[in-house]
Amino acid sequence: MKPGRDRDAIYVEHMLECIARIEDYTGGDRQAFFGSTMIQDAVIRNLQTMAESSQQLSDTTRSSMPDVDWRAIAGFRNILVHDYLGVDPNVVWTVVEHDLPNLKVALMRLHDGLGGS
């Protein structure tokens, strides 16, 4: 895939899809998340792929959204992928509850700016 706005729009759409899946899986319900390892696994997998997609965005696109902590997203991805035995479900839930809503809003703005569908 060639670099550029179209490519970035595809990755932003993918990130938004991952967030939508996480919202669907959890329903915003802390008890459902902690009560089901299947939901935890699904959420963690979507956080991994969302974070990986963020790393595929061009530097130009990432720099257009300085309010998004791209480095923290990459760092969290590395923890999820490489330190999977040490992943704390409490931290994951905090990300889902507090960080994803703001990221979703920023990604929607970015998506609109890229001319996404």
PDB file of N, CA and C in Angstrom:
ATOM      1  N   MET A   1       0.844  -1.166   0.000  1.00  0.00           N
ATOM      2  CA  MET A   1       0.000   0.000   0.000  1.00  0.00           C
ATOM      3  C   MET A   1       0.895   1.236   0.000  1.00  0.00           C
ATOM      4  N   LYS A   2       0.561   2.185  -0.854  1.00  0.00           N
ATOM      5  CA  LYS A   2       1.357   3.397  -0.978  1.00  0.00           C
ATOM      6  C   LYS A   2       1.103   4.340   0.194  1.00  0.00           C
ATOM      7  N   PRO A   3       2.166   4.992   0.653  1.00  0.00           N
ATOM      8  CA  PRO A   3       1.988   5.955   1.740  1.00  0.00           C
ATOM      9  C   PRO A   3       1.131   7.129   1.276  1.00  0.00           C
ATOM     10  N   GLY A   4       0.515   7.772   2.208  1.00  0.00           N
ATOM     11  CA  GLY A   4      -0.259   8.962   1.882  1.00  0.00           C
ATOM     12  C   GLY A   4      -1.568   9.014   2.632  1.00  0.00           C
ATOM     13  N   ARG A   5      -2.356  10.022   2.257  1.00  0.00           N
ATOM     14  CA  ARG A   5      -3.615  10.276   2.949  1.00  0.00           C
ATOM     15  C   ARG A   5      -4.579   9.090   2.867  1.00  0.00           C
ATOM     16  N   ASP A   6      -4.681   8.469   1.685  1.00  0.00           N
ATOM     17  CA  ASP A   6      -5.608   7.348   1.529  1.00  0.00           C
ATOM     18  C   ASP A   6      -5.211   6.194   2.444  1.00  0.00           C
ATOM     19  N   ARG A   7      -3.926   5.912   2.491  1.00  0.00           N
ATOM     20  CA  ARG A   7      -3.417   4.839   3.344  1.00  0.00           C
ATOM     21  C   ARG A   7      -3.681   5.161   4.812  1.00  0.00           C
ATOM     22  N   ASP A   8      -3.401   6.398   5.191  1.00  0.00           N
ATOM     23  CA  ASP A   8      -3.637   6.822   6.571  1.00  0.00           C
ATOM     24  C   ASP A   8      -5.122   6.734   6.923  1.00  0.00           C
ATOM     25  N   ALA A   9      -5.987   7.112   5.992  1.00  0.00           N
ATOM     26  CA  ALA A   9      -7.429   7.040   6.235  1.00  0.00           C
ATOM     27  C   ALA A   9      -7.858   5.599   6.515  1.00  0.00           C
ATOM     28  N   ILE A  10      -7.276   4.653   5.793  1.00  0.00           N
ATOM     29  CA  ILE A  10      -7.601   3.239   6.007  1.00  0.00           C
ATOM     30  C   ILE A  10      -7.188   2.798   7.409  1.00  0.00           C
ATOM     31  N   TYR A  11      -5.994   3.206   7.833  1.00  0.00           N
ATOM     32  CA  TYR A  11      -5.540   2.830   9.177  1.00  0.00           C
ATOM     33  C   TYR A  11      -6.371   3.504  10.269  1.00  0.00           C
ATOM     34  N   VAL A  12      -6.763   4.742  10.058  1.00  0.00           N
ATOM     35  CA  VAL A  12      -7.607   5.430  11.040  1.00  0.00           C
ATOM     36  C   VAL A  12      -8.967   4.731  11.119  1.00  0.00           C
ATOM     37  N   GLU A  13      -9.520   4.359   9.969  1.00  0.00           N
ATOM     38  CA  GLU A  13     -10.788   3.617   9.966  1.00  0.00           C
ATOM     39  C   GLU A  13     -10.637   2.307  10.740  1.00  0.00           C
ATOM     40  N   HIS A  14      -9.516   1.631  10.547  1.00  0.00           N
ATOM     41  CA  HIS A  14      -9.280   0.376  11.259  1.00  0.00           C
ATOM     42  C   HIS A  14      -9.205   0.609  12.765  1.00  0.00           C
ATOM     43  N   MET A  15      -8.540   1.679  13.166  1.00  0.00           N
ATOM     44  CA  MET A  15      -8.446   1.997  14.589  1.00  0.00           C
ATOM     45  C   MET A  15      -9.834   2.259  15.173  1.00  0.00           C
ATOM     46  N   LEU A  16     -10.659   2.991  14.428  1.00  0.00           N
ATOM     47  CA  LEU A  16     -12.025   3.255  14.888  1.00  0.00           C
ATOM     48  C   LEU A  16     -12.841   1.972  14.959  1.00  0.00           C
ATOM     49  N   GLU A  17     -12.622   1.058  14.026  1.00  0.00           N
ATOM     50  CA  GLU A  17     -13.305  -0.237  14.075  1.00  0.00           C
ATOM     51  C   GLU A  17     -12.899  -1.021  15.321  1.00  0.00           C
ATOM     52  N   CYS A  18     -11.620  -0.987  15.667  1.00  0.00           N
ATOM     53  CA  CYS A  18     -11.157  -1.673  16.876  1.00  0.00           C
ATOM     54  C   CYS A  18     -11.819  -1.088  18.118  1.00  0.00           C
ATOM     55  N   ILE A  19     -11.915   0.228  18.184  1.00  0.00           N
ATOM     56  CA  ILE A  19     -12.567   0.865  19.325  1.00  0.00           C
ATOM     57  C   ILE A  19     -14.037   0.472  19.379  1.00  0.00           C
ATOM     58  N   ALA A  20     -14.697   0.435  18.228  1.00  0.00           N
ATOM     59  CA  ALA A  20     -16.116   0.037  18.187  1.00  0.00           C
ATOM     60  C   ALA A  20     -16.287  -1.399  18.673  1.00  0.00           C
ATOM     61  N   ARG A  21     -15.384  -2.264  18.300  1.00  0.00           N
ATOM     62  CA  ARG A  21     -15.461  -3.645  18.771  1.00  0.00           C
ATOM     63  C   ARG A  21     -15.286  -3.718  20.282  1.00  0.00           C
ATOM     64  N   ILE A  22     -14.325  -2.967  20.802  1.00  0.00           N
ATOM     65  CA  ILE A  22     -14.094  -2.946  22.248  1.00  0.00           C
ATOM     66  C   ILE A  22     -15.345  -2.442  22.964  1.00  0.00           C
ATOM     67  N   GLU A  23     -15.955  -1.380  22.429  1.00  0.00           N
ATOM     68  CA  GLU A  23     -17.192  -0.860  23.025  1.00  0.00           C
ATOM     69  C   GLU A  23     -18.291  -1.924  22.986  1.00  0.00           C
ATOM     70  N   ASP A  24     -18.364  -2.635  21.874  1.00  0.00           N
ATOM     71  CA  ASP A  24     -19.372  -3.678  21.726  1.00  0.00           C
ATOM     72  C   ASP A  24     -19.118  -4.823  22.704  1.00  0.00           C
ATOM     73  N   TYR A  25     -17.878  -5.257  22.806  1.00  0.00           N
ATOM     74  CA  TYR A  25     -17.541  -6.386  23.673  1.00  0.00           C
ATOM     75  C   TYR A  25     -17.787  -6.074  25.146  1.00  0.00           C
ATOM     76  N   THR A  26     -17.472  -4.855  25.551  1.00  0.00           N
ATOM     77  CA  THR A  26     -17.576  -4.518  26.976  1.00  0.00           C
ATOM     78  C   THR A  26     -18.912  -3.901  27.340  1.00  0.00           C
ATOM     79  N   GLY A  27     -19.534  -3.218  26.403  1.00  0.00           N
ATOM     80  CA  GLY A  27     -20.774  -2.507  26.724  1.00  0.00           C
ATOM     81  C   GLY A  27     -20.570  -1.480  27.822  1.00  0.00           C
ATOM     82  N   GLY A  28     -19.310  -1.088  28.037  1.00  0.00           N
ATOM     83  CA  GLY A  28     -19.015  -0.151  29.116  1.00  0.00           C
ATOM     84  C   GLY A  28     -19.213  -0.741  30.500  1.00  0.00           C
ATOM     85  N   ASP A  29     -19.292  -2.054  30.563  1.00  0.00           N
ATOM     86  CA  ASP A  29     -19.617  -2.757  31.807  1.00  0.00           C
ATOM     87  C   ASP A  29     -18.359  -3.377  32.418  1.00  0.00           C
ATOM     88  N   ARG A  30     -17.894  -2.756  33.464  1.00  0.00           N
ATOM     89  CA  ARG A  30     -16.692  -3.226  34.162  1.00  0.00           C
ATOM     90  C   ARG A  30     -16.840  -4.684  34.618  1.00  0.00           C
ATOM     91  N   GLN A  31     -17.985  -5.020  35.170  1.00  0.00           N
ATOM     92  CA  GLN A  31     -18.197  -6.380  35.675  1.00  0.00           C
ATOM     93  C   GLN A  31     -18.153  -7.406  34.543  1.00  0.00           C
ATOM     94  N   ALA A  32     -18.715  -7.046  33.395  1.00  0.00           N
ATOM     95  CA  ALA A  32     -18.671  -7.972  32.251  1.00  0.00           C
ATOM     96  C   ALA A  32     -17.224  -8.197  31.828  1.00  0.00           C
ATOM     97  N   PHE A  33     -16.438  -7.133  31.807  1.00  0.00           N
ATOM     98  CA  PHE A  33     -15.031  -7.238  31.420  1.00  0.00           C
ATOM     99  C   PHE A  33     -14.272  -8.138  32.384  1.00  0.00           C
ATOM    100  N   PHE A  34     -14.401  -7.868  33.675  1.00  0.00           N
ATOM    101  CA  PHE A  34     -13.648  -8.653  34.657  1.00  0.00           C
ATOM    102  C   PHE A  34     -14.197 -10.060  34.845  1.00  0.00           C
ATOM    103  N   GLY A  35     -15.449 -10.263  34.457  1.00  0.00           N
ATOM    104  CA  GLY A  35     -16.067 -11.570  34.626  1.00  0.00           C
ATOM    105  C   GLY A  35     -15.848 -12.533  33.473  1.00  0.00           C
ATOM    106  N   SER A  36     -15.205 -12.063  32.405  1.00  0.00           N
ATOM    107  CA  SER A  36     -15.047 -12.918  31.229  1.00  0.00           C
ATOM    108  C   SER A  36     -13.643 -12.806  30.650  1.00  0.00           C
ATOM    109  N   THR A  37     -12.891 -13.897  30.733  1.00  0.00           N
ATOM    110  CA  THR A  37     -11.558 -13.884  30.108  1.00  0.00           C
ATOM    111  C   THR A  37     -11.682 -13.780  28.599  1.00  0.00           C
ATOM    112  N   MET A  38     -12.787 -14.237  28.022  1.00  0.00           N
ATOM    113  CA  MET A  38     -12.975 -14.114  26.585  1.00  0.00           C
ATOM    114  C   MET A  38     -13.103 -12.634  26.190  1.00  0.00           C
ATOM    115  N   ILE A  39     -13.857 -11.870  26.957  1.00  0.00           N
ATOM    116  CA  ILE A  39     -13.968 -10.435  26.686  1.00  0.00           C
ATOM    117  C   ILE A  39     -12.617  -9.760  26.885  1.00  0.00           C
ATOM    118  N   GLN A  40     -11.910 -10.115  27.951  1.00  0.00           N
ATOM    119  CA  GLN A  40     -10.586  -9.537  28.181  1.00  0.00           C
ATOM    120  C   GLN A  40      -9.659  -9.820  27.000  1.00  0.00           C
ATOM    121  N   ASP A  41      -9.658 -11.072  26.535  1.00  0.00           N
ATOM    122  CA  ASP A  41      -8.811 -11.442  25.396  1.00  0.00           C
ATOM    123  C   ASP A  41      -9.183 -10.654  24.142  1.00  0.00           C
ATOM    124  N   ALA A  42     -10.478 -10.515  23.895  1.00  0.00           N
ATOM    125  CA  ALA A  42     -10.936  -9.787  22.715  1.00  0.00           C
ATOM    126  C   ALA A  42     -10.550  -8.314  22.794  1.00  0.00           C
ATOM    127  N   VAL A  43     -10.687  -7.742  23.964  1.00  0.00           N
ATOM    128  CA  VAL A  43     -10.327  -6.333  24.150  1.00  0.00           C
ATOM    129  C   VAL A  43      -8.829  -6.145  23.960  1.00  0.00           C
ATOM    130  N   ILE A  44      -8.039  -6.991  24.584  1.00  0.00           N
ATOM    131  CA  ILE A  44      -6.583  -6.870  24.467  1.00  0.00           C
ATOM    132  C   ILE A  44      -6.145  -7.027  23.016  1.00  0.00           C
ATOM    133  N   ARG A  45      -6.712  -7.978  22.307  1.00  0.00           N
ATOM    134  CA  ARG A  45      -6.362  -8.183  20.896  1.00  0.00           C
ATOM    135  C   ARG A  45      -6.684  -6.950  20.067  1.00  0.00           C
ATOM    136  N   ASN A  46      -7.836  -6.347  20.301  1.00  0.00           N
ATOM    137  CA  ASN A  46      -8.194  -5.154  19.545  1.00  0.00           C
ATOM    138  C   ASN A  46      -7.352  -3.948  19.933  1.00  0.00           C
ATOM    139  N   LEU A  47      -6.952  -3.865  21.187  1.00  0.00           N
ATOM    140  CA  LEU A  47      -6.019  -2.801  21.584  1.00  0.00           C
ATOM    141  C   LEU A  47      -4.675  -2.987  20.884  1.00  0.00           C
ATOM    142  N   GLN A  48      -4.218  -4.228  20.785  1.00  0.00           N
ATOM    143  CA  GLN A  48      -2.958  -4.508  20.088  1.00  0.00           C
ATOM    144  C   GLN A  48      -3.026  -4.074  18.631  1.00  0.00           C
ATOM    145  N   THR A  49      -4.057  -4.514  17.935  1.00  0.00           N
ATOM    146  CA  THR A  49      -4.135  -4.212  16.509  1.00  0.00           C
ATOM    147  C   THR A  49      -4.388  -2.725  16.277  1.00  0.00           C
ATOM    148  N   MET A  50      -5.165  -2.090  17.148  1.00  0.00           N
ATOM    149  CA  MET A  50      -5.376  -0.650  17.027  1.00  0.00           C
ATOM    150  C   MET A  50      -4.061   0.104  17.186  1.00  0.00           C
ATOM    151  N   ALA A  51      -3.291  -0.294  18.195  1.00  0.00           N
ATOM    152  CA  ALA A  51      -2.009   0.365  18.434  1.00  0.00           C
ATOM    153  C   ALA A  51      -1.031   0.107  17.295  1.00  0.00           C
ATOM    154  N   GLU A  52      -1.048  -1.089  16.748  1.00  0.00           N
ATOM    155  CA  GLU A  52      -0.180  -1.386  15.597  1.00  0.00           C
ATOM    156  C   GLU A  52      -0.563  -0.519  14.409  1.00  0.00           C
ATOM    157  N   SER A  53      -1.851  -0.347  14.177  1.00  0.00           N
ATOM    158  CA  SER A  53      -2.298   0.521  13.080  1.00  0.00           C
ATOM    159  C   SER A  53      -1.828   1.952  13.294  1.00  0.00           C
ATOM    160  N   SER A  54      -1.798   2.400  14.539  1.00  0.00           N
ATOM    161  CA  SER A  54      -1.341   3.767  14.812  1.00  0.00           C
ATOM    162  C   SER A  54       0.108   3.961  14.394  1.00  0.00           C
ATOM    163  N   GLN A  55       0.887   2.892  14.467  1.00  0.00           N
ATOM    164  CA  GLN A  55       2.295   2.980  14.096  1.00  0.00           C
ATOM    165  C   GLN A  55       2.498   2.998  12.587  1.00  0.00           C
ATOM    166  N   GLN A  56       1.462   2.642  11.851  1.00  0.00           N
ATOM    167  CA  GLN A  56       1.540   2.634  10.390  1.00  0.00           C
ATOM    168  C   GLN A  56       1.175   3.983   9.787  1.00  0.00           C
ATOM    169  N   LEU A  57       0.659   4.903  10.615  1.00  0.00           N
ATOM    170  CA  LEU A  57       0.309   6.230  10.120  1.00  0.00           C
ATOM    171  C   LEU A  57       1.568   7.014   9.765  1.00  0.00           C
ATOM    172  N   SER A  58       1.447   7.860   8.788  1.00  0.00           N
ATOM    173  CA  SER A  58       2.590   8.690   8.389  1.00  0.00           C
ATOM    174  C   SER A  58       2.928   9.674   9.511  1.00  0.00           C
ATOM    175  N   ASP A  59       4.177  10.096   9.523  1.00  0.00           N
ATOM    176  CA  ASP A  59       4.605  11.091  10.503  1.00  0.00           C
ATOM    177  C   ASP A  59       3.793  12.372  10.347  1.00  0.00           C
ATOM    178  N   THR A  60       3.469  12.731   9.118  1.00  0.00           N
ATOM    179  CA  THR A  60       2.685  13.940   8.851  1.00  0.00           C
ATOM    180  C   THR A  60       1.324  13.851   9.524  1.00  0.00           C
ATOM    181  N   THR A  61       0.674  12.717   9.380  1.00  0.00           N
ATOM    182  CA  THR A  61      -0.649  12.545   9.987  1.00  0.00           C
ATOM    183  C   THR A  61      -0.556  12.542  11.500  1.00  0.00           C
ATOM    184  N   ARG A  62       0.418  11.821  12.036  1.00  0.00           N
ATOM    185  CA  ARG A  62       0.549  11.803  13.496  1.00  0.00           C
ATOM    186  C   ARG A  62       0.855  13.200  14.034  1.00  0.00           C
ATOM    187  N   SER A  63       1.698  13.943  13.352  1.00  0.00           N
ATOM    188  CA  SER A  63       2.053  15.278  13.850  1.00  0.00           C
ATOM    189  C   SER A  63       0.889  16.257  13.719  1.00  0.00           C
ATOM    190  N   SER A  64      -0.098  15.934  12.890  1.00  0.00           N
ATOM    191  CA  SER A  64      -1.271  16.804  12.763  1.00  0.00           C
ATOM    192  C   SER A  64      -2.194  16.684  13.982  1.00  0.00           C
ATOM    193  N   MET A  65      -1.947  15.683  14.816  1.00  0.00           N
ATOM    194  CA  MET A  65      -2.754  15.455  16.016  1.00  0.00           C
ATOM    195  C   MET A  65      -1.833  15.405  17.245  1.00  0.00           C
ATOM    196  N   PRO A  66      -1.251  16.552  17.621  1.00  0.00           N
ATOM    197  CA  PRO A  66      -0.305  16.536  18.743  1.00  0.00           C
ATOM    198  C   PRO A  66      -0.952  16.226  20.086  1.00  0.00           C
ATOM    199  N   ASP A  67      -2.290  16.323  20.176  1.00  0.00           N
ATOM    200  CA  ASP A  67      -2.968  16.016  21.435  1.00  0.00           C
ATOM    201  C   ASP A  67      -3.071  14.512  21.676  1.00  0.00           C
ATOM    202  N   VAL A  68      -2.773  13.707  20.652  1.00  0.00           N
ATOM    203  CA  VAL A  68      -2.774  12.249  20.814  1.00  0.00           C
ATOM    204  C   VAL A  68      -1.360  11.820  21.189  1.00  0.00           C
ATOM    205  N   ASP A  69      -1.234  11.063  22.247  1.00  0.00           N
ATOM    206  CA  ASP A  69       0.076  10.589  22.698  1.00  0.00           C
ATOM    207  C   ASP A  69       0.427   9.299  21.954  1.00  0.00           C
ATOM    208  N   TRP A  70       0.906   9.467  20.719  1.00  0.00           N
ATOM    209  CA  TRP A  70       1.228   8.330  19.849  1.00  0.00           C
ATOM    210  C   TRP A  70       2.290   7.445  20.480  1.00  0.00           C
ATOM    211  N   ARG A  71       3.230   8.056  21.157  1.00  0.00           N
ATOM    212  CA  ARG A  71       4.305   7.282  21.792  1.00  0.00           C
ATOM    213  C   ARG A  71       3.763   6.379  22.904  1.00  0.00           C
ATOM    214  N   ALA A  72       2.806   6.885  23.670  1.00  0.00           N
ATOM    215  CA  ALA A  72       2.200   6.077  24.734  1.00  0.00           C
ATOM    216  C   ALA A  72       1.401   4.920  24.139  1.00  0.00           C
ATOM    217  N   ILE A  73       0.742   5.165  23.016  1.00  0.00           N
ATOM    218  CA  ILE A  73      -0.009   4.095  22.351  1.00  0.00           C
ATOM    219  C   ILE A  73       0.954   2.995  21.916  1.00  0.00           C
ATOM    220  N   ALA A  74       2.070   3.389  21.336  1.00  0.00           N
ATOM    221  CA  ALA A  74       3.078   2.402  20.909  1.00  0.00           C
ATOM    222  C   ALA A  74       3.647   1.661  22.112  1.00  0.00           C
ATOM    223  N   GLY A  75       3.903   2.369  23.182  1.00  0.00           N
ATOM    224  CA  GLY A  75       4.435   1.730  24.386  1.00  0.00           C
ATOM    225  C   GLY A  75       3.455   0.736  24.988  1.00  0.00           C
ATOM    226  N   PHE A  76       2.177   1.103  24.979  1.00  0.00           N
ATOM    227  CA  PHE A  76       1.154   0.194  25.507  1.00  0.00           C
ATOM    228  C   PHE A  76       1.057  -1.049  24.635  1.00  0.00           C
ATOM    229  N   ARG A  77       1.160  -0.875  23.334  1.00  0.00           N
ATOM    230  CA  ARG A  77       1.151  -2.011  22.415  1.00  0.00           C
ATOM    231  C   ARG A  77       2.296  -2.956  22.735  1.00  0.00           C
ATOM    232  N   ASN A  78       3.469  -2.405  22.976  1.00  0.00           N
ATOM    233  CA  ASN A  78       4.632  -3.238  23.291  1.00  0.00           C
ATOM    234  C   ASN A  78       4.418  -4.036  24.574  1.00  0.00           C
ATOM    235  N   ILE A  79       3.792  -3.431  25.549  1.00  0.00           N
ATOM    236  CA  ILE A  79       3.491  -4.150  26.789  1.00  0.00           C
ATOM    237  C   ILE A  79       2.520  -5.290  26.508  1.00  0.00           C
ATOM    238  N   LEU A  80       1.462  -4.991  25.755  1.00  0.00           N
ATOM    239  CA  LEU A  80       0.452  -6.018  25.455  1.00  0.00           C
ATOM    240  C   LEU A  80       1.034  -7.188  24.678  1.00  0.00           C
ATOM    241  N   VAL A  81       1.945  -6.884  23.765  1.00  0.00           N
ATOM    242  CA  VAL A  81       2.503  -7.931  22.902  1.00  0.00           C
ATOM    243  C   VAL A  81       3.662  -8.671  23.564  1.00  0.00           C
ATOM    244  N   HIS A  82       4.561  -7.936  24.200  1.00  0.00           N
ATOM    245  CA  HIS A  82       5.797  -8.544  24.693  1.00  0.00           C
ATOM    246  C   HIS A  82       5.779  -8.910  26.169  1.00  0.00           C
ATOM    247  N   ASP A  83       4.915  -8.267  26.933  1.00  0.00           N
ATOM    248  CA  ASP A  83       4.845  -8.556  28.367  1.00  0.00           C
ATOM    249  C   ASP A  83       3.465  -9.092  28.722  1.00  0.00           C
ATOM    250  N   TYR A  84       2.952  -9.953  27.831  1.00  0.00           N
ATOM    251  CA  TYR A  84       1.576 -10.428  27.963  1.00  0.00           C
ATOM    252  C   TYR A  84       1.300 -11.123  29.283  1.00  0.00           C
ATOM    253  N   LEU A  85       2.302 -11.732  29.910  1.00  0.00           N
ATOM    254  CA  LEU A  85       2.072 -12.378  31.210  1.00  0.00           C
ATOM    255  C   LEU A  85       1.932 -11.351  32.329  1.00  0.00           C
ATOM    256  N   GLY A  86       2.423 -10.147  32.069  1.00  0.00           N
ATOM    257  CA  GLY A  86       2.363  -9.105  33.082  1.00  0.00           C
ATOM    258  C   GLY A  86       1.254  -8.092  32.861  1.00  0.00           C
ATOM    259  N   VAL A  87       0.374  -8.344  31.884  1.00  0.00           N
ATOM    260  CA  VAL A  87      -0.702  -7.396  31.603  1.00  0.00           C
ATOM    261  C   VAL A  87      -1.698  -7.392  32.762  1.00  0.00           C
ATOM    262  N   ASP A  88      -1.956  -6.212  33.274  1.00  0.00           N
ATOM    263  CA  ASP A  88      -2.868  -6.035  34.403  1.00  0.00           C
ATOM    264  C   ASP A  88      -4.246  -5.659  33.862  1.00  0.00           C
ATOM    265  N   PRO A  89      -5.249  -6.497  34.071  1.00  0.00           N
ATOM    266  CA  PRO A  89      -6.595  -6.177  33.577  1.00  0.00           C
ATOM    267  C   PRO A  89      -7.124  -4.840  34.102  1.00  0.00           C
ATOM    268  N   ASN A  90      -6.685  -4.433  35.289  1.00  0.00           N
ATOM    269  CA  ASN A  90      -7.106  -3.132  35.822  1.00  0.00           C
ATOM    270  C   ASN A  90      -6.593  -1.992  34.950  1.00  0.00           C
ATOM    271  N   VAL A  91      -5.361  -2.113  34.489  1.00  0.00           N
ATOM    272  CA  VAL A  91      -4.786  -1.092  33.606  1.00  0.00           C
ATOM    273  C   VAL A  91      -5.520  -1.099  32.268  1.00  0.00           C
ATOM    274  N   VAL A  92      -5.787  -2.287  31.747  1.00  0.00           N
ATOM    275  CA  VAL A  92      -6.511  -2.389  30.479  1.00  0.00           C
ATOM    276  C   VAL A  92      -7.879  -1.721  30.613  1.00  0.00           C
ATOM    277  N   TRP A  93      -8.590  -2.010  31.696  1.00  0.00           N
ATOM    278  CA  TRP A  93      -9.904  -1.402  31.877  1.00  0.00           C
ATOM    279  C   TRP A  93      -9.806   0.112  31.992  1.00  0.00           C
ATOM    280  N   THR A  94      -8.793   0.610  32.667  1.00  0.00           N
ATOM    281  CA  THR A  94      -8.603   2.057  32.779  1.00  0.00           C
ATOM    282  C   THR A  94      -8.422   2.674  31.403  1.00  0.00           C
ATOM    283  N   VAL A  95      -7.648   2.018  30.554  1.00  0.00           N
ATOM    284  CA  VAL A  95      -7.465   2.502  29.181  1.00  0.00           C
ATOM    285  C   VAL A  95      -8.802   2.515  28.454  1.00  0.00           C
ATOM    286  N   VAL A  96      -9.551   1.440  28.571  1.00  0.00           N
ATOM    287  CA  VAL A  96     -10.853   1.334  27.899  1.00  0.00           C
ATOM    288  C   VAL A  96     -11.799   2.428  28.385  1.00  0.00           C
ATOM    289  N   GLU A  97     -11.848   2.617  29.674  1.00  0.00           N
ATOM    290  CA  GLU A  97     -12.814   3.539  30.270  1.00  0.00           C
ATOM    291  C   GLU A  97     -12.416   5.006  30.118  1.00  0.00           C
ATOM    292  N   HIS A  98     -11.123   5.305  30.234  1.00  0.00           N
ATOM    293  CA  HIS A  98     -10.703   6.702  30.291  1.00  0.00           C
ATOM    294  C   HIS A  98      -9.979   7.199  29.038  1.00  0.00           C
ATOM    295  N   ASP A  99      -9.207   6.357  28.402  1.00  0.00           N
ATOM    296  CA  ASP A  99      -8.396   6.814  27.278  1.00  0.00           C
ATOM    297  C   ASP A  99      -9.069   6.628  25.922  1.00  0.00           C
ATOM    298  N   LEU A 100      -9.770   5.514  25.736  1.00  0.00           N
ATOM    299  CA  LEU A 100     -10.367   5.254  24.427  1.00  0.00           C
ATOM    300  C   LEU A 100     -11.422   6.280  24.022  1.00  0.00           C
ATOM    301  N   PRO A 101     -12.272   6.753  24.923  1.00  0.00           N
ATOM    302  CA  PRO A 101     -13.256   7.756  24.476  1.00  0.00           C
ATOM    303  C   PRO A 101     -12.602   9.006  23.879  1.00  0.00           C
ATOM    304  N   ASN A 102     -11.546   9.499  24.510  1.00  0.00           N
ATOM    305  CA  ASN A 102     -10.849  10.679  23.980  1.00  0.00           C
ATOM    306  C   ASN A 102     -10.135  10.358  22.675  1.00  0.00           C
ATOM    307  N   LEU A 103      -9.532   9.181  22.601  1.00  0.00           N
ATOM    308  CA  LEU A 103      -8.862   8.776  21.378  1.00  0.00           C
ATOM    309  C   LEU A 103      -9.865   8.646  20.242  1.00  0.00           C
ATOM    310  N   LYS A 104     -11.023   8.106  20.550  1.00  0.00           N
ATOM    311  CA  LYS A 104     -12.066   7.950  19.525  1.00  0.00           C
ATOM    312  C   LYS A 104     -12.449   9.309  18.938  1.00  0.00           C
ATOM    313  N   VAL A 105     -12.654  10.286  19.788  1.00  0.00           N
ATOM    314  CA  VAL A 105     -13.009  11.631  19.320  1.00  0.00           C
ATOM    315  C   VAL A 105     -11.905  12.190  18.430  1.00  0.00           C
ATOM    316  N   ALA A 106     -10.663  12.059  18.859  1.00  0.00           N
ATOM    317  CA  ALA A 106      -9.528  12.558  18.066  1.00  0.00           C
ATOM    318  C   ALA A 106      -9.437  11.835  16.730  1.00  0.00           C
ATOM    319  N   LEU A 107      -9.639  10.519  16.736  1.00  0.00           N
ATOM    320  CA  LEU A 107      -9.567   9.746  15.490  1.00  0.00           C
ATOM    321  C   LEU A 107     -10.708  10.097  14.551  1.00  0.00           C
ATOM    322  N   MET A 108     -11.862  10.403  15.083  1.00  0.00           N
ATOM    323  CA  MET A 108     -12.981  10.816  14.229  1.00  0.00           C
ATOM    324  C   MET A 108     -12.665  12.149  13.548  1.00  0.00           C
ATOM    325  N   ARG A 109     -12.055  13.070  14.286  1.00  0.00           N
ATOM    326  CA  ARG A 109     -11.626  14.351  13.684  1.00  0.00           C
ATOM    327  C   ARG A 109     -10.577  14.101  12.618  1.00  0.00           C
ATOM    328  N   LEU A 110      -9.619  13.224  12.938  1.00  0.00           N
ATOM    329  CA  LEU A 110      -8.560  12.912  11.995  1.00  0.00           C
ATOM    330  C   LEU A 110      -9.145  12.250  10.755  1.00  0.00           C
ATOM    331  N   HIS A 111     -10.058  11.336  10.945  1.00  0.00           N
ATOM    332  CA  HIS A 111     -10.707  10.645   9.835  1.00  0.00           C
ATOM    333  C   HIS A 111     -11.414  11.650   8.911  1.00  0.00           C
ATOM    334  N   ASP A 112     -12.157  12.578   9.516  1.00  0.00           N
ATOM    335  CA  ASP A 112     -12.832  13.602   8.719  1.00  0.00           C
ATOM    336  C   ASP A 112     -11.837  14.465   7.964  1.00  0.00           C
ATOM    337  N   GLY A 113     -10.723  14.793   8.614  1.00  0.00           N
ATOM    338  CA  GLY A 113      -9.688  15.602   7.972  1.00  0.00           C
ATOM    339  C   GLY A 113      -8.984  14.912   6.826  1.00  0.00           C
ATOM    340  N   LEU A 114      -8.954  13.600   6.881  1.00  0.00           N
ATOM    341  CA  LEU A 114      -8.327  12.824   5.813  1.00  0.00           C
ATOM    342  C   LEU A 114      -9.310  12.517   4.689  1.00  0.00           C
ATOM    343  N   GLY A 115     -10.555  12.932   4.889  1.00  0.00           N
ATOM    344  CA  GLY A 115     -11.566  12.668   3.868  1.00  0.00           C
ATOM    345  C   GLY A 115     -12.052  11.256   3.855  1.00  0.00           C
ATOM    346  N   GLY A 116     -12.030  10.597   5.038  1.00  0.00           N
ATOM    347  CA  GLY A 116     -12.481   9.215   5.138  1.00  0.00           C
ATOM    348  C   GLY A 116     -13.960   9.077   4.867  1.00  0.00           C
ATOM    349  N   SER A 117     -14.338   7.853   4.535  1.00  0.00           N
ATOM    350  CA  SER A 117     -15.735   7.590   4.201  1.00  0.00           C
ATOM    351  C   SER A 117     -16.589   7.383   5.426  1.00  0.00           C
TER     352      SER A 117
END
